[in-house]
Amino acid sequence: MVKNWQRRGLVKTANFVRSFVRHKNGSVAIIFALSAVVFMGAGGIAIDYGRAYSAKSSLQAALDSAVMAGVTAKPDPAAFAGVAGGLSDAERLTRAE
């Protein structure tokens, strides 16, 4: 249910919009202000997208470098034995419980 004070507010707003549409004086400034907000928002989105794309490219380059370093590195059998021994200790601990 719309209260009386709400109805008056809606009527005032409707009258303001009607007068704005009817009168052409000064409408360029208002249209420019509204358009400027839209264009600034679009510019902000473009900047954010550009930074996200740049960060993604940097992360992809780092990942590619890490993969290439891992592929070209010579394997160290002692390192693998240490990892395998750690896994077997973990398996023993979990099975003991």
C-alpha atoms as a PDB file:
ATOM      1  CA  MET A   1       0.000   0.000   0.000  1.00  0.00           C
ATOM      2  CA  VAL A   2       1.395   3.361  -1.024  1.00  0.00           C
ATOM      3  CA  LYS A   3       1.313   5.948   1.717  1.00  0.00           C
ATOM      4  CA  ASN A   4       0.310   9.554   1.092  1.00  0.00           C
ATOM      5  CA  TRP A   5       3.856  10.944   1.459  1.00  0.00           C
ATOM      6  CA  GLN A   6       5.159   8.299  -0.952  1.00  0.00           C
ATOM      7  CA  ARG A   7       2.479   9.240  -3.486  1.00  0.00           C
ATOM      8  CA  ARG A   8       3.483  12.923  -3.249  1.00  0.00           C
ATOM      9  CA  GLY A   9       7.123  11.961  -3.792  1.00  0.00           C
ATOM     10  CA  LEU A  10       6.250   9.885  -6.835  1.00  0.00           C
ATOM     11  CA  VAL A  11       4.122  12.690  -8.258  1.00  0.00           C
ATOM     12  CA  LYS A  12       6.944  15.212  -7.752  1.00  0.00           C
ATOM     13  CA  THR A  13       9.415  12.863  -9.429  1.00  0.00           C
ATOM     14  CA  ALA A  14       7.052  12.249 -12.345  1.00  0.00           C
ATOM     15  CA  ASN A  15       6.484  16.000 -12.762  1.00  0.00           C
ATOM     16  CA  PHE A  16      10.247  16.602 -12.736  1.00  0.00           C
ATOM     17  CA  VAL A  17      10.809  13.972 -15.419  1.00  0.00           C
ATOM     18  CA  ARG A  18       7.995  15.402 -17.563  1.00  0.00           C
ATOM     19  CA  SER A  19       9.414  18.923 -17.287  1.00  0.00           C
ATOM     20  CA  PHE A  20      12.876  17.616 -18.105  1.00  0.00           C
ATOM     21  CA  VAL A  21      11.574  15.931 -21.252  1.00  0.00           C
ATOM     22  CA  ARG A  22       9.579  18.979 -22.355  1.00  0.00           C
ATOM     23  CA  HIS A  23      12.275  21.616 -21.834  1.00  0.00           C
ATOM     24  CA  LYS A  24      15.316  21.466 -24.070  1.00  0.00           C
ATOM     25  CA  ASN A  25      17.410  24.146 -22.308  1.00  0.00           C
ATOM     26  CA  GLY A  26      20.437  22.715 -20.565  1.00  0.00           C
ATOM     27  CA  SER A  27      19.780  19.161 -21.636  1.00  0.00           C
ATOM     28  CA  VAL A  28      23.167  18.922 -23.350  1.00  0.00           C
ATOM     29  CA  ALA A  29      24.982  19.280 -20.032  1.00  0.00           C
ATOM     30  CA  ILE A  30      22.877  16.589 -18.394  1.00  0.00           C
ATOM     31  CA  ILE A  31      23.234  14.213 -21.332  1.00  0.00           C
ATOM     32  CA  PHE A  32      26.991  14.835 -21.314  1.00  0.00           C
ATOM     33  CA  ALA A  33      27.174  14.112 -17.577  1.00  0.00           C
ATOM     34  CA  LEU A  34      25.248  10.863 -17.945  1.00  0.00           C
ATOM     35  CA  SER A  35      27.330   9.836 -20.958  1.00  0.00           C
ATOM     36  CA  ALA A  36      30.556  10.659 -19.135  1.00  0.00           C
ATOM     37  CA  VAL A  37      29.623   8.237 -16.352  1.00  0.00           C
ATOM     38  CA  VAL A  38      29.014   5.475 -18.898  1.00  0.00           C
ATOM     39  CA  PHE A  39      32.250   6.161 -20.760  1.00  0.00           C
ATOM     40  CA  MET A  40      34.284   6.262 -17.543  1.00  0.00           C
ATOM     41  CA  GLY A  41      32.820   2.935 -16.547  1.00  0.00           C
ATOM     42  CA  ALA A  42      33.686   1.451 -19.927  1.00  0.00           C
ATOM     43  CA  GLY A  43      37.216   2.829 -19.626  1.00  0.00           C
ATOM     44  CA  GLY A  44      37.591   1.315 -16.164  1.00  0.00           C
ATOM     45  CA  ILE A  45      36.429  -2.063 -17.425  1.00  0.00           C
ATOM     46  CA  ALA A  46      38.898  -1.869 -20.309  1.00  0.00           C
ATOM     47  CA  ILE A  47      41.777  -1.055 -17.948  1.00  0.00           C
ATOM     48  CA  ASP A  48      40.834  -3.897 -15.599  1.00  0.00           C
ATOM     49  CA  TYR A  49      40.606  -6.344 -18.501  1.00  0.00           C
ATOM     50  CA  GLY A  50      43.991  -5.202 -19.815  1.00  0.00           C
ATOM     51  CA  ARG A  51      45.642  -5.688 -16.426  1.00  0.00           C
ATOM     52  CA  ALA A  52      44.048  -9.110 -15.975  1.00  0.00           C
ATOM     53  CA  TYR A  53      45.220 -10.174 -19.426  1.00  0.00           C
ATOM     54  CA  SER A  54      48.738  -8.931 -18.662  1.00  0.00           C
ATOM     55  CA  ALA A  55      48.815 -10.826 -15.350  1.00  0.00           C
ATOM     56  CA  LYS A  56      47.557 -13.973 -17.079  1.00  0.00           C
ATOM     57  CA  SER A  57      50.272 -13.663 -19.730  1.00  0.00           C
ATOM     58  CA  SER A  58      52.960 -13.211 -17.067  1.00  0.00           C
ATOM     59  CA  LEU A  59      51.745 -16.247 -15.127  1.00  0.00           C
ATOM     60  CA  GLN A  60      51.599 -18.324 -18.302  1.00  0.00           C
ATOM     61  CA  ALA A  61      55.173 -17.334 -19.189  1.00  0.00           C
ATOM     62  CA  ALA A  62      56.372 -18.280 -15.678  1.00  0.00           C
ATOM     63  CA  LEU A  63      54.571 -21.618 -15.902  1.00  0.00           C
ATOM     64  CA  ASP A  64      56.056 -22.318 -19.323  1.00  0.00           C
ATOM     65  CA  SER A  65      59.535 -21.530 -17.998  1.00  0.00           C
ATOM     66  CA  ALA A  66      59.043 -23.808 -14.993  1.00  0.00           C
ATOM     67  CA  VAL A  67      57.833 -26.667 -17.182  1.00  0.00           C
ATOM     68  CA  MET A  68      60.753 -26.264 -19.578  1.00  0.00           C
ATOM     69  CA  ALA A  69      63.194 -26.185 -16.642  1.00  0.00           C
ATOM     70  CA  GLY A  70      61.626 -29.344 -15.226  1.00  0.00           C
ATOM     71  CA  VAL A  71      61.755 -31.156 -18.556  1.00  0.00           C
ATOM     72  CA  THR A  72      65.356 -30.254 -19.342  1.00  0.00           C
ATOM     73  CA  ALA A  73      66.714 -30.919 -15.817  1.00  0.00           C
ATOM     74  CA  LYS A  74      68.655 -34.127 -15.319  1.00  0.00           C
ATOM     75  CA  PRO A  75      66.929 -36.439 -12.834  1.00  0.00           C
ATOM     76  CA  ASP A  76      68.639 -37.040  -9.498  1.00  0.00           C
ATOM     77  CA  PRO A  77      67.991 -40.622  -8.315  1.00  0.00           C
ATOM     78  CA  ALA A  78      68.722 -39.674  -4.692  1.00  0.00           C
ATOM     79  CA  ALA A  79      65.927 -37.115  -4.735  1.00  0.00           C
ATOM     80  CA  PHE A  80      63.464 -39.698  -6.022  1.00  0.00           C
ATOM     81  CA  ALA A  81      64.546 -42.189  -3.358  1.00  0.00           C
ATOM     82  CA  GLY A  82      63.954 -39.593  -0.638  1.00  0.00           C
ATOM     83  CA  VAL A  83      60.457 -38.851  -1.929  1.00  0.00           C
ATOM     84  CA  ALA A  84      59.634 -42.554  -2.230  1.00  0.00           C
ATOM     85  CA  GLY A  85      60.923 -43.195   1.303  1.00  0.00           C
ATOM     86  CA  GLY A  86      58.760 -40.375   2.646  1.00  0.00           C
ATOM     87  CA  LEU A  87      55.719 -41.795   0.970  1.00  0.00           C
ATOM     88  CA  SER A  88      56.303 -45.214   2.429  1.00  0.00           C
ATOM     89  CA  ASP A  89      56.682 -43.677   5.927  1.00  0.00           C
ATOM     90  CA  ALA A  90      53.367 -41.906   5.413  1.00  0.00           C
ATOM     91  CA  GLU A  91      51.751 -45.107   4.303  1.00  0.00           C
ATOM     92  CA  ARG A  92      53.080 -46.915   7.383  1.00  0.00           C
ATOM     93  CA  LEU A  93      51.745 -44.196   9.680  1.00  0.00           C
ATOM     94  CA  THR A  94      48.290 -44.239   8.144  1.00  0.00           C
ATOM     95  CA  ARG A  95      48.052 -48.033   8.217  1.00  0.00           C
ATOM     96  CA  ALA A  96      49.227 -48.221  11.839  1.00  0.00           C
ATOM     97  CA  GLU A  97      46.295 -46.105  12.987  1.00  0.00           C
END
